[in-house]
Amino acid sequence: MFIARSAWRLAIALVLPLGVAQGQAETIQVVIDKLVFTPATITAKVGDTIEWINKDPIVHTATVKDAWEVMIPAKKMVSQHLDKPEAVDFHCRFHPNMKGRLTVQE
């Protein structure tokens, strides 16, 4: 009986951290290289962070019309915390052919 209780407690101890890890925020990297967002389609959750990594020698933006804009200097990384659910198309204000889609879920 003692062995069965110990095994049960061990099983619970191993499973509990898995449930906690699923709720943790993630960091999603979006690389800008040769005038392209990669990935161009991003799915994230509220609380996640996007790292916009610009490998190009020129400035870019991630711009959502009438909403928000992230300025990403040449050869730099900028973080953006996602704080609300939304589905938006974004583009670079300086290079309108650079486009992407961001979906932030609850």
Protein backbone atom coordinates (compact mmCIF):
# COMPACT_ATOMS: atom_id res chain seq x y z
CA MET A 1 0.00 0.00 0.00
CA PHE A 2 2.87 2.38 0.81
CA ILE A 3 4.37 1.77 -2.66
CA ALA A 4 1.03 2.52 -4.36
CA ARG A 5 0.67 5.85 -2.49
CA SER A 6 4.26 6.80 -3.30
CA ALA A 7 3.74 5.99 -6.97
CA TRP A 8 0.52 8.04 -7.01
CA ARG A 9 2.25 11.05 -5.40
CA LEU A 10 5.12 10.75 -7.84
CA ALA A 11 2.69 10.67 -10.80
CA ILE A 12 0.92 13.81 -9.53
CA ALA A 13 4.24 15.58 -8.95
CA LEU A 14 5.31 14.82 -12.51
CA VAL A 15 2.04 15.89 -14.14
CA LEU A 16 1.44 19.16 -12.28
CA PRO A 17 4.41 21.02 -13.79
CA LEU A 18 3.21 20.10 -17.29
CA GLY A 19 -0.05 21.96 -16.75
CA VAL A 20 1.80 25.02 -15.49
CA ALA A 21 4.19 25.09 -18.46
CA GLN A 22 1.35 25.18 -20.98
CA GLY A 23 0.19 28.56 -19.64
CA GLN A 24 3.57 30.27 -19.92
CA ALA A 25 4.12 33.08 -22.38
CA GLU A 26 6.26 32.40 -25.41
CA THR A 27 8.70 34.47 -27.42
CA ILE A 28 8.14 34.37 -31.17
CA GLN A 29 10.93 35.49 -33.46
CA VAL A 30 10.14 37.20 -36.74
CA VAL A 31 13.22 37.68 -38.89
CA ILE A 32 13.41 40.40 -41.51
CA ASP A 33 15.93 39.51 -44.18
CA LYS A 34 16.13 40.76 -47.78
CA LEU A 35 12.86 42.71 -47.40
CA VAL A 36 10.84 39.69 -46.19
CA PHE A 37 9.12 38.93 -42.86
CA THR A 38 9.71 35.29 -41.84
CA PRO A 39 7.32 33.91 -40.82
CA ALA A 40 4.82 36.19 -42.54
CA THR A 41 1.87 34.54 -40.78
CA ILE A 42 2.11 34.62 -37.00
CA THR A 43 -0.21 33.01 -34.47
CA ALA A 44 0.34 33.98 -30.85
CA LYS A 45 -1.45 34.29 -27.54
CA VAL A 46 -2.11 37.24 -25.27
CA GLY A 47 0.98 37.59 -23.07
CA ASP A 48 3.42 36.37 -25.73
CA THR A 49 6.25 38.54 -27.03
CA ILE A 50 7.36 39.04 -30.61
CA GLU A 51 11.03 39.67 -31.26
CA TRP A 52 11.32 41.53 -34.53
CA ILE A 53 14.87 40.80 -35.76
CA ASN A 54 16.05 43.01 -38.61
CA LYS A 55 19.00 41.49 -40.48
CA ASP A 56 18.80 44.08 -43.27
CA PRO A 57 21.08 47.14 -43.39
CA ILE A 58 18.01 49.43 -43.54
CA VAL A 59 15.20 50.41 -41.14
CA HIS A 60 11.86 48.60 -41.29
CA THR A 61 8.55 48.83 -39.45
CA ALA A 62 5.77 46.46 -38.53
CA THR A 63 2.79 48.74 -39.07
CA VAL A 64 -0.92 48.12 -38.61
CA LYS A 65 -2.95 50.86 -40.27
CA ASP A 66 -4.70 53.11 -37.73
CA ALA A 67 -3.49 50.97 -34.83
CA TRP A 68 0.20 50.44 -33.96
CA GLU A 69 3.69 50.54 -35.37
CA VAL A 70 6.98 48.99 -34.29
CA MET A 71 10.13 50.69 -35.60
CA ILE A 72 12.90 48.14 -36.19
CA PRO A 73 16.33 49.71 -36.73
CA ALA A 74 18.85 48.18 -39.14
CA LYS A 75 20.68 45.15 -37.72
CA LYS A 76 18.71 45.36 -34.43
CA MET A 77 16.01 43.48 -32.51
CA VAL A 78 12.90 45.03 -30.98
CA SER A 79 10.48 43.28 -28.60
CA GLN A 80 6.72 43.76 -28.68
CA HIS A 81 4.48 42.43 -25.89
CA LEU A 82 1.08 41.22 -27.10
CA ASP A 83 -1.55 42.39 -24.64
CA LYS A 84 -4.89 41.93 -26.43
CA PRO A 85 -6.53 39.49 -28.82
CA GLU A 86 -6.62 40.73 -32.40
CA ALA A 87 -6.19 39.64 -35.99
CA VAL A 88 -4.38 42.23 -38.08
CA ASP A 89 -2.48 42.63 -41.31
CA PHE A 90 0.85 44.41 -40.99
CA HIS A 91 3.34 45.87 -43.44
CA CYS A 92 6.54 47.89 -43.52
CA ARG A 93 5.71 51.58 -43.88
CA PHE A 94 8.89 52.12 -45.93
CA HIS A 95 8.51 49.00 -48.09
CA PRO A 96 4.77 48.35 -48.61
CA ASN A 97 5.44 45.10 -50.48
CA MET A 98 6.60 43.62 -47.13
CA LYS A 99 3.42 42.19 -45.60
CA GLY A 100 2.29 39.78 -42.92
CA ARG A 101 -0.60 38.67 -40.74
CA LEU A 102 -0.71 38.49 -36.94
CA THR A 103 -3.40 36.63 -35.03
CA VAL A 104 -3.34 36.99 -31.24
CA GLN A 105 -5.67 34.62 -29.40
CA GLU A 106 -6.89 34.59 -25.79
